[in-house]
């Protein structure tokens, strides 16, 4: 049963009464919604609607985690993270995951396994990231997007965990994927 179908949470549900598009961007769409609260009163919710994304925890043939370092404008710094990307219209998460691996690290997954998923920031966005583990990597490069510049690193799990503890890896999808893939990373 999904959480949306959980009968024990129905008394907490908010009902959309009106929705107004404020900004229609390439990646995000900002709406101001009026909702009916469980007690019958109304409130406004600012919602960033997003098509969803994938993030992939790739393991190379030596068992190292393949990470991407890229500058993230919104964060104001370069972040070390697992490969990820936004779902294109009508694209399945599995297809997107394979494509993003080829674009960002130059490998096609021999085996791609879904390990979970996360809501990025459910207080204001619909973005949901499907998390995958990729193994048996095969070299296969696709051209990266024109506006992406990054470097690829292969690090052992111990080094990745140390960097998480030191705050050098602060990307939520990366940390979540490491947590969800623990049984495969031993």
Protein backbone atom coordinates (compact mmCIF):
# COMPACT_ATOMS: atom_id res chain seq x y z
CA UNK A 1 0.00 0.00 0.00
CA UNK A 2 1.35 3.43 -0.89
CA UNK A 3 1.31 6.20 1.67
CA UNK A 4 -1.23 8.04 -0.49
CA UNK A 5 -3.61 5.10 0.04
CA UNK A 6 -2.93 4.85 3.77
CA UNK A 7 -6.40 5.09 5.40
CA UNK A 8 -4.84 6.14 8.72
CA UNK A 9 -3.61 9.40 7.11
CA UNK A 10 -6.80 10.44 5.27
CA UNK A 11 -7.78 12.80 8.08
CA UNK A 12 -4.63 14.82 7.31
CA UNK A 13 -5.32 15.30 3.58
CA UNK A 14 -5.50 18.74 2.00
CA UNK A 15 -7.78 19.26 -1.02
CA UNK A 16 -6.79 21.56 -3.88
CA UNK A 17 -9.47 24.18 -4.56
CA UNK A 18 -7.63 26.44 -7.02
CA UNK A 19 -4.23 26.52 -8.71
CA UNK A 20 -2.53 29.48 -10.39
CA UNK A 21 0.62 29.16 -12.50
CA UNK A 22 3.09 31.89 -11.49
CA UNK A 23 6.19 30.82 -13.43
CA UNK A 24 6.54 28.25 -16.23
CA UNK A 25 10.20 27.34 -16.62
CA UNK A 26 12.19 24.69 -18.46
CA UNK A 27 12.68 22.52 -15.36
CA UNK A 28 10.30 23.87 -12.73
CA UNK A 29 6.80 25.28 -12.73
CA UNK A 30 5.74 27.45 -9.78
CA UNK A 31 2.11 27.43 -8.69
CA UNK A 32 0.22 29.11 -5.89
CA UNK A 33 -2.57 26.76 -4.81
CA UNK A 34 -5.50 27.35 -2.51
CA UNK A 35 -6.24 24.25 -0.44
CA UNK A 36 -8.95 23.15 1.93
CA UNK A 37 -7.40 22.00 5.22
CA UNK A 38 -8.67 19.03 7.24
CA UNK A 39 -10.56 21.38 9.59
CA UNK A 40 -12.40 23.05 6.68
CA UNK A 41 -10.40 26.27 6.62
CA UNK A 42 -8.30 27.29 3.61
CA UNK A 43 -4.63 28.07 3.11
CA UNK A 44 -2.24 28.92 0.31
CA UNK A 45 0.55 26.60 -0.76
CA UNK A 46 3.45 27.57 -3.03
CA UNK A 47 4.35 24.48 -5.04
CA UNK A 48 7.23 23.90 -7.42
CA UNK A 49 6.03 21.18 -9.80
CA UNK A 50 8.80 19.07 -11.30
CA UNK A 51 8.72 16.14 -13.73
CA UNK A 52 10.85 13.97 -11.45
CA UNK A 53 14.39 12.70 -11.69
CA UNK A 54 16.70 9.76 -11.30
CA UNK A 55 19.98 9.31 -9.44
CA UNK A 56 22.28 6.37 -9.90
CA UNK A 57 24.85 4.87 -7.56
CA UNK A 58 27.36 3.32 -10.00
CA UNK A 59 29.89 0.74 -8.83
CA UNK A 60 32.92 0.15 -11.04
CA UNK A 61 34.59 -3.25 -11.53
CA UNK A 62 36.81 -2.59 -8.49
CA UNK A 63 33.79 -1.89 -6.25
CA UNK A 64 34.46 1.84 -6.15
CA UNK A 65 31.64 4.38 -6.29
CA UNK A 66 31.67 6.60 -9.35
CA UNK A 67 30.88 10.20 -8.44
CA UNK A 68 30.55 13.44 -10.36
CA UNK A 69 31.90 16.79 -9.15
CA UNK A 70 30.10 19.76 -10.65
CA UNK A 71 29.40 23.34 -9.76
CA UNK A 72 25.83 23.81 -8.52
CA UNK A 73 24.80 27.41 -8.95
CA UNK A 74 21.97 27.30 -6.38
CA UNK A 75 24.32 25.83 -3.75
CA UNK A 76 27.06 28.28 -4.67
CA UNK A 77 29.76 25.62 -4.82
CA UNK A 78 30.95 22.45 -6.48
CA UNK A 79 29.31 19.34 -5.08
CA UNK A 80 30.40 15.73 -5.19
CA UNK A 81 27.39 13.57 -6.02
CA UNK A 82 26.15 10.49 -7.82
CA UNK A 83 25.08 10.92 -11.47
CA UNK A 84 21.53 12.20 -11.81
CA UNK A 85 19.16 13.83 -14.22
CA UNK A 86 15.64 15.01 -14.90
CA UNK A 87 13.06 12.80 -16.55
CA UNK A 88 12.13 13.89 -20.05
CA UNK A 89 8.44 13.98 -21.01
CA UNK A 90 7.19 10.40 -21.35
CA UNK A 91 10.55 8.89 -20.38
CA UNK A 92 10.64 5.98 -17.94
CA UNK A 93 12.97 6.26 -14.94
CA UNK A 94 14.90 3.15 -16.09
CA UNK A 95 15.63 4.67 -19.51
CA UNK A 96 16.55 8.01 -17.96
CA UNK A 97 18.95 6.32 -15.52
CA UNK A 98 20.80 4.50 -18.30
CA UNK A 99 20.98 7.68 -20.41
CA UNK A 100 22.28 9.81 -17.54
CA UNK A 101 25.03 7.30 -16.74
CA UNK A 102 26.23 7.40 -20.33
CA UNK A 103 26.12 11.21 -20.45
CA UNK A 104 27.76 11.89 -17.11
CA UNK A 105 30.27 9.09 -16.52
CA UNK A 106 30.56 7.37 -19.91
CA UNK A 107 29.19 3.96 -18.91
CA UNK A 108 26.13 1.89 -19.73
CA UNK A 109 24.86 -0.24 -16.83
CA UNK A 110 25.08 -4.01 -17.32
CA UNK A 111 22.71 -4.27 -14.38
CA UNK A 112 20.40 -1.51 -13.17
CA UNK A 113 18.43 -2.09 -9.98
CA UNK A 114 15.94 0.29 -8.37
CA UNK A 115 16.79 0.67 -4.68
CA UNK A 116 14.22 3.27 -3.61
CA UNK A 117 13.30 6.88 -4.02
CA UNK A 118 13.06 10.17 -2.17
CA UNK A 119 11.03 13.35 -2.18
CA UNK A 120 13.56 16.18 -2.44
CA UNK A 121 11.75 18.80 -0.35
CA UNK A 122 8.08 17.83 0.09
CA UNK A 123 7.26 21.10 1.83
CA UNK A 124 7.35 22.97 -1.48
CA UNK A 125 8.13 20.70 -4.45
CA UNK A 126 6.67 17.61 -6.12
CA UNK A 127 10.14 16.45 -7.22
CA UNK A 128 10.67 12.75 -6.59
CA UNK A 129 14.01 11.10 -7.35
CA UNK A 130 14.09 7.42 -8.31
CA UNK A 131 17.27 5.88 -6.90
CA UNK A 132 19.19 3.12 -8.68
CA UNK A 133 22.25 0.95 -8.22
CA UNK A 134 24.25 0.34 -11.43
CA UNK A 135 26.78 -2.48 -11.71
CA UNK A 136 28.60 -4.36 -14.46
CA UNK A 137 29.40 -1.04 -16.14
CA UNK A 138 30.31 -1.08 -19.83
CA UNK A 139 32.11 1.89 -21.46
CA UNK A 140 29.59 3.78 -23.62
CA UNK A 141 29.75 7.56 -23.91
CA UNK A 142 26.87 9.85 -24.87
CA UNK A 143 27.40 13.58 -25.32
CA UNK A 144 26.71 15.55 -22.15
CA UNK A 145 24.28 18.46 -22.11
CA UNK A 146 25.79 21.69 -23.46
CA UNK A 147 25.50 23.47 -20.09
CA UNK A 148 27.08 20.71 -17.95
CA UNK A 149 30.73 20.72 -16.89
CA UNK A 150 31.93 18.09 -14.44
CA UNK A 151 34.70 15.71 -13.49
CA UNK A 152 34.35 12.02 -12.67
CA UNK A 153 35.92 10.39 -9.59
CA UNK A 154 36.10 6.71 -8.56
CA UNK A 155 36.26 6.44 -4.76
CA UNK A 156 36.14 3.49 -2.36
CA UNK A 157 33.13 3.34 -0.03
CA UNK A 158 35.34 4.12 2.99
CA UNK A 159 36.46 7.39 1.38
CA UNK A 160 32.89 8.32 0.40
CA UNK A 161 31.69 7.70 3.97
CA UNK A 162 34.57 9.73 5.40
CA UNK A 163 33.72 12.62 3.06
CA UNK A 164 30.05 12.43 4.14
CA UNK A 165 31.09 12.59 7.82
CA UNK A 166 33.38 15.57 7.14
CA UNK A 167 30.58 17.38 5.29
CA UNK A 168 32.45 17.25 1.97
CA UNK A 169 29.58 15.28 0.46
CA UNK A 170 26.39 17.09 1.43
CA UNK A 171 24.13 16.05 -1.43
CA UNK A 172 20.94 14.41 -0.10
CA UNK A 173 20.36 12.06 -3.04
CA UNK A 174 23.92 10.74 -2.77
CA UNK A 175 23.70 10.17 0.96
CA UNK A 176 20.25 8.55 0.58
CA UNK A 177 21.47 6.19 -2.15
CA UNK A 178 24.46 5.13 -0.02
CA UNK A 179 22.11 4.37 2.86
CA UNK A 180 19.65 2.44 0.68
CA UNK A 181 22.39 0.43 -1.05
CA UNK A 182 24.24 -0.67 2.11
CA UNK A 183 23.62 -4.38 1.57
CA UNK A 184 25.26 -4.16 -1.89
CA UNK A 185 28.25 -2.09 -0.78
CA UNK A 186 29.89 -4.51 1.64
